[in-house]
Amino acid sequence: MNSVEGGTNEETISSYSALNEMSFGAIGGLIAGLVMAGIGYAIPIPGMMGEPFFISSADMWNLPNKVVTGWSLLIVTSLIIGLIFGLVTARASTLRITSMAKGLALGPIVGLVVFILVFLPVEIPPMPSLVSANNFLLESFGYNLVFGLVLGATAAGLSLRTRTKIAK
């Protein structure tokens, strides 16, 4: 620790608030959603005419303007997941992000929860044959883990970067 005037020590403390953490989570969710979109375009769902999962999903549910609807749902869902992540990590002291490692550890847990609570109920009902399609579920689980890792890393990076040092 560095010395400051008067011989006291400088201590790292947080300029920490739930609102900040929710904002960092939302930004992390948005970035994670955009990464997922890139992966979706690079590795489209087999048999879906080369479309990424979020556009195919809108199409399978017969939603209007599948491209706009798919993108909108991806962005809104990613933001909401990020906001929830930020709120939970801000409010539950044991889950509070105190290091990049903790953000990276919490991310895959979020990915698993999203896979179970969001992905499976949205993707499987309109097209149950996807379950038996090659490695569809395994790849989709991997997508969700990547989402969680990007969310956790981004939120942790932003949160840790805003911590300030003040004289005690």
C-alpha atoms as a PDB file:
ATOM      1  CA  MET A   1       0.000   0.000   0.000  1.00  0.00           C
ATOM      2  CA  ASN A   2       1.147   3.517  -0.705  1.00  0.00           C
ATOM      3  CA  SER A   3       1.631   6.175   1.934  1.00  0.00           C
ATOM      4  CA  VAL A   4      -0.373   9.360   1.737  1.00  0.00           C
ATOM      5  CA  GLU A   5      -0.161  12.648   3.610  1.00  0.00           C
ATOM      6  CA  GLY A   6      -0.311  12.258   7.348  1.00  0.00           C
ATOM      7  CA  GLY A   7       1.223   8.777   7.292  1.00  0.00           C
ATOM      8  CA  THR A   8      -2.076   6.926   6.733  1.00  0.00           C
ATOM      9  CA  ASN A   9      -2.333   4.106   4.253  1.00  0.00           C
ATOM     10  CA  GLU A  10      -4.287   4.222   1.039  1.00  0.00           C
ATOM     11  CA  GLU A  11      -6.843   1.464   0.808  1.00  0.00           C
ATOM     12  CA  THR A  12      -8.767   0.208  -2.174  1.00  0.00           C
ATOM     13  CA  ILE A  13     -12.502   0.545  -1.723  1.00  0.00           C
ATOM     14  CA  SER A  14     -15.342   0.326  -4.137  1.00  0.00           C
ATOM     15  CA  SER A  15     -17.439   3.047  -5.565  1.00  0.00           C
ATOM     16  CA  TYR A  16     -19.954   0.212  -5.584  1.00  0.00           C
ATOM     17  CA  SER A  17     -23.669   0.341  -6.226  1.00  0.00           C
ATOM     18  CA  ALA A  18     -26.328  -2.052  -7.412  1.00  0.00           C
ATOM     19  CA  LEU A  19     -27.191   0.354 -10.224  1.00  0.00           C
ATOM     20  CA  ASN A  20     -23.589   0.323 -11.459  1.00  0.00           C
ATOM     21  CA  GLU A  21     -23.453  -3.467 -11.280  1.00  0.00           C
ATOM     22  CA  MET A  22     -26.748  -3.773 -13.165  1.00  0.00           C
ATOM     23  CA  SER A  23     -25.396  -1.412 -15.827  1.00  0.00           C
ATOM     24  CA  PHE A  24     -22.200  -3.450 -16.117  1.00  0.00           C
ATOM     25  CA  GLY A  25     -24.294  -6.612 -16.353  1.00  0.00           C
ATOM     26  CA  ALA A  26     -26.448  -5.078 -19.095  1.00  0.00           C
ATOM     27  CA  ILE A  27     -23.367  -4.030 -21.064  1.00  0.00           C
ATOM     28  CA  GLY A  28     -21.912  -7.508 -20.548  1.00  0.00           C
ATOM     29  CA  GLY A  29     -25.182  -9.068 -21.696  1.00  0.00           C
ATOM     30  CA  LEU A  30     -25.275  -6.889 -24.797  1.00  0.00           C
ATOM     31  CA  ILE A  31     -21.682  -7.729 -25.728  1.00  0.00           C
ATOM     32  CA  ALA A  32     -22.302 -11.422 -25.008  1.00  0.00           C
ATOM     33  CA  GLY A  33     -25.408 -11.304 -27.224  1.00  0.00           C
ATOM     34  CA  LEU A  34     -23.432  -9.745 -30.060  1.00  0.00           C
ATOM     35  CA  VAL A  35     -20.739 -12.418 -29.675  1.00  0.00           C
ATOM     36  CA  MET A  36     -23.498 -15.042 -29.801  1.00  0.00           C
ATOM     37  CA  ALA A  37     -24.856 -13.440 -32.974  1.00  0.00           C
ATOM     38  CA  GLY A  38     -21.415 -13.662 -34.572  1.00  0.00           C
ATOM     39  CA  ILE A  39     -21.142 -17.316 -33.600  1.00  0.00           C
ATOM     40  CA  GLY A  40     -24.679 -17.870 -34.871  1.00  0.00           C
ATOM     41  CA  TYR A  41     -23.781 -16.499 -38.287  1.00  0.00           C
ATOM     42  CA  ALA A  42     -20.500 -18.441 -38.355  1.00  0.00           C
ATOM     43  CA  ILE A  43     -22.108 -21.725 -37.279  1.00  0.00           C
ATOM     44  CA  PRO A  44     -25.775 -21.710 -38.316  1.00  0.00           C
ATOM     45  CA  ILE A  45     -28.271 -24.353 -37.213  1.00  0.00           C
ATOM     46  CA  PRO A  46     -28.143 -27.316 -39.611  1.00  0.00           C
ATOM     47  CA  GLY A  47     -31.117 -27.390 -41.967  1.00  0.00           C
ATOM     48  CA  MET A  48     -32.093 -23.764 -41.324  1.00  0.00           C
ATOM     49  CA  MET A  49     -30.927 -22.246 -44.626  1.00  0.00           C
ATOM     50  CA  GLY A  50     -27.765 -20.806 -43.100  1.00  0.00           C
ATOM     51  CA  GLU A  51     -29.625 -18.615 -40.628  1.00  0.00           C
ATOM     52  CA  PRO A  52     -28.361 -18.029 -37.086  1.00  0.00           C
ATOM     53  CA  PHE A  53     -30.324 -19.510 -34.202  1.00  0.00           C
ATOM     54  CA  PHE A  54     -32.075 -16.282 -33.207  1.00  0.00           C
ATOM     55  CA  ILE A  55     -33.500 -15.707 -36.689  1.00  0.00           C
ATOM     56  CA  SER A  56     -34.401 -19.397 -37.106  1.00  0.00           C
ATOM     57  CA  SER A  57     -36.135 -19.276 -33.743  1.00  0.00           C
ATOM     58  CA  ALA A  58     -38.304 -16.312 -34.771  1.00  0.00           C
ATOM     59  CA  ASP A  59     -39.099 -18.179 -38.000  1.00  0.00           C
ATOM     60  CA  MET A  60     -39.977 -21.425 -36.174  1.00  0.00           C
ATOM     61  CA  TRP A  61     -42.397 -19.525 -33.944  1.00  0.00           C
ATOM     62  CA  ASN A  62     -43.937 -17.904 -37.060  1.00  0.00           C
ATOM     63  CA  LEU A  63     -43.160 -14.405 -35.822  1.00  0.00           C
ATOM     64  CA  PRO A  64     -43.405 -11.548 -38.319  1.00  0.00           C
ATOM     65  CA  ASN A  65     -40.267 -10.164 -39.983  1.00  0.00           C
ATOM     66  CA  LYS A  66     -38.022 -12.896 -38.639  1.00  0.00           C
ATOM     67  CA  VAL A  67     -34.771 -10.932 -39.057  1.00  0.00           C
ATOM     68  CA  VAL A  68     -35.901  -7.824 -37.132  1.00  0.00           C
ATOM     69  CA  THR A  69     -37.796  -9.910 -34.586  1.00  0.00           C
ATOM     70  CA  GLY A  70     -34.906 -12.341 -34.106  1.00  0.00           C
ATOM     71  CA  TRP A  71     -32.372  -9.559 -33.600  1.00  0.00           C
ATOM     72  CA  SER A  72     -34.733  -7.674 -31.282  1.00  0.00           C
ATOM     73  CA  LEU A  73     -35.378 -10.739 -29.145  1.00  0.00           C
ATOM     74  CA  LEU A  74     -31.660 -11.551 -28.973  1.00  0.00           C
ATOM     75  CA  ILE A  75     -30.732  -8.030 -27.858  1.00  0.00           C
ATOM     76  CA  VAL A  76     -33.591  -7.636 -25.366  1.00  0.00           C
ATOM     77  CA  THR A  77     -33.022 -11.102 -23.881  1.00  0.00           C
ATOM     78  CA  SER A  78     -29.268 -10.485 -23.586  1.00  0.00           C
ATOM     79  CA  LEU A  79     -29.862  -7.148 -21.852  1.00  0.00           C
ATOM     80  CA  ILE A  80     -32.378  -8.654 -19.417  1.00  0.00           C
ATOM     81  CA  ILE A  81     -30.067 -11.563 -18.567  1.00  0.00           C
ATOM     82  CA  GLY A  82     -27.230  -9.091 -18.017  1.00  0.00           C
ATOM     83  CA  LEU A  83     -29.383  -6.865 -15.799  1.00  0.00           C
ATOM     84  CA  ILE A  84     -30.422  -9.853 -13.693  1.00  0.00           C
ATOM     85  CA  PHE A  85     -26.794 -10.986 -13.461  1.00  0.00           C
ATOM     86  CA  GLY A  86     -25.757  -7.511 -12.296  1.00  0.00           C
ATOM     87  CA  LEU A  87     -28.573  -7.320  -9.756  1.00  0.00           C
ATOM     88  CA  VAL A  88     -27.880 -10.773  -8.317  1.00  0.00           C
ATOM     89  CA  THR A  89     -24.135 -10.200  -8.076  1.00  0.00           C
ATOM     90  CA  ALA A  90     -24.737  -6.820  -6.435  1.00  0.00           C
ATOM     91  CA  ARG A  91     -27.296  -8.009  -3.904  1.00  0.00           C
ATOM     92  CA  ALA A  92     -25.920 -11.428  -2.916  1.00  0.00           C
ATOM     93  CA  SER A  93     -22.695 -10.687  -1.071  1.00  0.00           C
ATOM     94  CA  THR A  94     -21.271 -14.165  -1.704  1.00  0.00           C
ATOM     95  CA  LEU A  95     -21.757 -13.649  -5.448  1.00  0.00           C
ATOM     96  CA  ARG A  96     -20.354 -10.117  -5.514  1.00  0.00           C
ATOM     97  CA  ILE A  97     -17.700  -9.817  -8.203  1.00  0.00           C
ATOM     98  CA  THR A  98     -14.422  -9.238  -6.416  1.00  0.00           C
ATOM     99  CA  SER A  99     -12.065 -10.558  -9.093  1.00  0.00           C
ATOM    100  CA  MET A 100     -11.942 -11.439 -12.761  1.00  0.00           C
ATOM    101  CA  ALA A 101     -11.709 -15.099 -11.755  1.00  0.00           C
ATOM    102  CA  LYS A 102     -15.008 -14.814  -9.895  1.00  0.00           C
ATOM    103  CA  GLY A 103     -16.669 -13.174 -12.898  1.00  0.00           C
ATOM    104  CA  LEU A 104     -15.347 -15.957 -15.138  1.00  0.00           C
ATOM    105  CA  ALA A 105     -16.521 -18.608 -12.666  1.00  0.00           C
ATOM    106  CA  LEU A 106     -20.043 -17.159 -12.397  1.00  0.00           C
ATOM    107  CA  GLY A 107     -20.382 -16.780 -16.176  1.00  0.00           C
ATOM    108  CA  PRO A 108     -20.709 -20.485 -17.051  1.00  0.00           C
ATOM    109  CA  ILE A 109     -23.242 -20.900 -14.242  1.00  0.00           C
ATOM    110  CA  VAL A 110     -25.313 -18.178 -15.897  1.00  0.00           C
ATOM    111  CA  GLY A 111     -24.826 -19.950 -19.236  1.00  0.00           C
ATOM    112  CA  LEU A 112     -26.170 -23.199 -17.770  1.00  0.00           C
ATOM    113  CA  VAL A 113     -29.175 -21.471 -16.188  1.00  0.00           C
ATOM    114  CA  VAL A 114     -29.945 -19.636 -19.456  1.00  0.00           C
ATOM    115  CA  PHE A 115     -29.624 -22.888 -21.410  1.00  0.00           C
ATOM    116  CA  ILE A 116     -32.145 -24.611 -19.136  1.00  0.00           C
ATOM    117  CA  LEU A 117     -34.586 -21.743 -18.513  1.00  0.00           C
ATOM    118  CA  VAL A 118     -34.456 -19.848 -21.823  1.00  0.00           C
ATOM    119  CA  PHE A 119     -32.891 -21.848 -24.634  1.00  0.00           C
ATOM    120  CA  LEU A 120     -34.580 -25.239 -24.183  1.00  0.00           C
ATOM    121  CA  PRO A 121     -38.123 -23.854 -23.716  1.00  0.00           C
ATOM    122  CA  VAL A 122     -37.750 -21.514 -26.721  1.00  0.00           C
ATOM    123  CA  GLU A 123     -35.925 -23.683 -29.265  1.00  0.00           C
ATOM    124  CA  ILE A 124     -37.231 -27.193 -28.660  1.00  0.00           C
ATOM    125  CA  PRO A 125     -41.082 -26.862 -28.678  1.00  0.00           C
ATOM    126  CA  PRO A 126     -41.408 -25.531 -32.248  1.00  0.00           C
ATOM    127  CA  MET A 127     -38.950 -28.073 -33.613  1.00  0.00           C
ATOM    128  CA  PRO A 128     -38.423 -31.112 -31.361  1.00  0.00           C
ATOM    129  CA  SER A 129     -36.415 -32.853 -34.102  1.00  0.00           C
ATOM    130  CA  LEU A 130     -33.517 -30.512 -33.232  1.00  0.00           C
ATOM    131  CA  VAL A 131     -32.907 -32.602 -30.106  1.00  0.00           C
ATOM    132  CA  SER A 132     -31.749 -35.534 -32.213  1.00  0.00           C
ATOM    133  CA  ALA A 133     -29.881 -33.434 -34.805  1.00  0.00           C
ATOM    134  CA  ASN A 134     -26.183 -34.364 -34.596  1.00  0.00           C
ATOM    135  CA  ASN A 135     -24.565 -32.303 -31.828  1.00  0.00           C
ATOM    136  CA  PHE A 136     -27.242 -29.622 -31.691  1.00  0.00           C
ATOM    137  CA  LEU A 137     -27.801 -29.685 -27.918  1.00  0.00           C
ATOM    138  CA  LEU A 138     -24.102 -29.944 -27.127  1.00  0.00           C
ATOM    139  CA  GLU A 139     -23.239 -27.057 -29.472  1.00  0.00           C
ATOM    140  CA  SER A 140     -26.108 -25.005 -28.086  1.00  0.00           C
ATOM    141  CA  PHE A 141     -24.918 -25.665 -24.553  1.00  0.00           C
ATOM    142  CA  GLY A 142     -21.466 -24.505 -25.655  1.00  0.00           C
ATOM    143  CA  TYR A 143     -22.961 -21.292 -27.109  1.00  0.00           C
ATOM    144  CA  ASN A 144     -24.593 -20.589 -23.762  1.00  0.00           C
ATOM    145  CA  LEU A 145     -21.350 -21.191 -21.883  1.00  0.00           C
ATOM    146  CA  VAL A 146     -19.607 -18.726 -24.198  1.00  0.00           C
ATOM    147  CA  PHE A 147     -22.419 -16.231 -23.552  1.00  0.00           C
ATOM    148  CA  GLY A 148     -21.914 -16.642 -19.807  1.00  0.00           C
ATOM    149  CA  LEU A 149     -18.134 -16.319 -20.023  1.00  0.00           C
ATOM    150  CA  VAL A 150     -18.362 -13.124 -22.070  1.00  0.00           C
ATOM    151  CA  LEU A 151     -21.030 -11.730 -19.740  1.00  0.00           C
ATOM    152  CA  GLY A 152     -19.023 -12.590 -16.615  1.00  0.00           C
ATOM    153  CA  ALA A 153     -15.725 -11.295 -18.009  1.00  0.00           C
ATOM    154  CA  THR A 154     -17.226  -8.035 -19.292  1.00  0.00           C
ATOM    155  CA  ALA A 155     -19.214  -7.295 -16.140  1.00  0.00           C
ATOM    156  CA  ALA A 156     -16.225  -8.161 -13.937  1.00  0.00           C
ATOM    157  CA  GLY A 157     -13.863  -6.054 -16.026  1.00  0.00           C
ATOM    158  CA  LEU A 158     -16.154  -3.028 -15.864  1.00  0.00           C
ATOM    159  CA  SER A 159     -16.910  -3.477 -12.188  1.00  0.00           C
ATOM    160  CA  LEU A 160     -13.293  -3.906 -11.156  1.00  0.00           C
ATOM    161  CA  ARG A 161     -12.151  -1.027 -13.347  1.00  0.00           C
ATOM    162  CA  THR A 162     -14.459   1.421 -11.581  1.00  0.00           C
ATOM    163  CA  ARG A 163     -13.122   0.638  -8.132  1.00  0.00           C
ATOM    164  CA  THR A 164     -11.362   3.694  -6.754  1.00  0.00           C
ATOM    165  CA  LYS A 165      -8.614   4.337  -4.254  1.00  0.00           C
ATOM    166  CA  ILE A 166      -9.216   6.943  -1.617  1.00  0.00           C
ATOM    167  CA  ALA A 167      -7.283   7.961   1.442  1.00  0.00           C
ATOM    168  CA  LYS A 168      -8.504   6.456   4.679  1.00  0.00           C
END
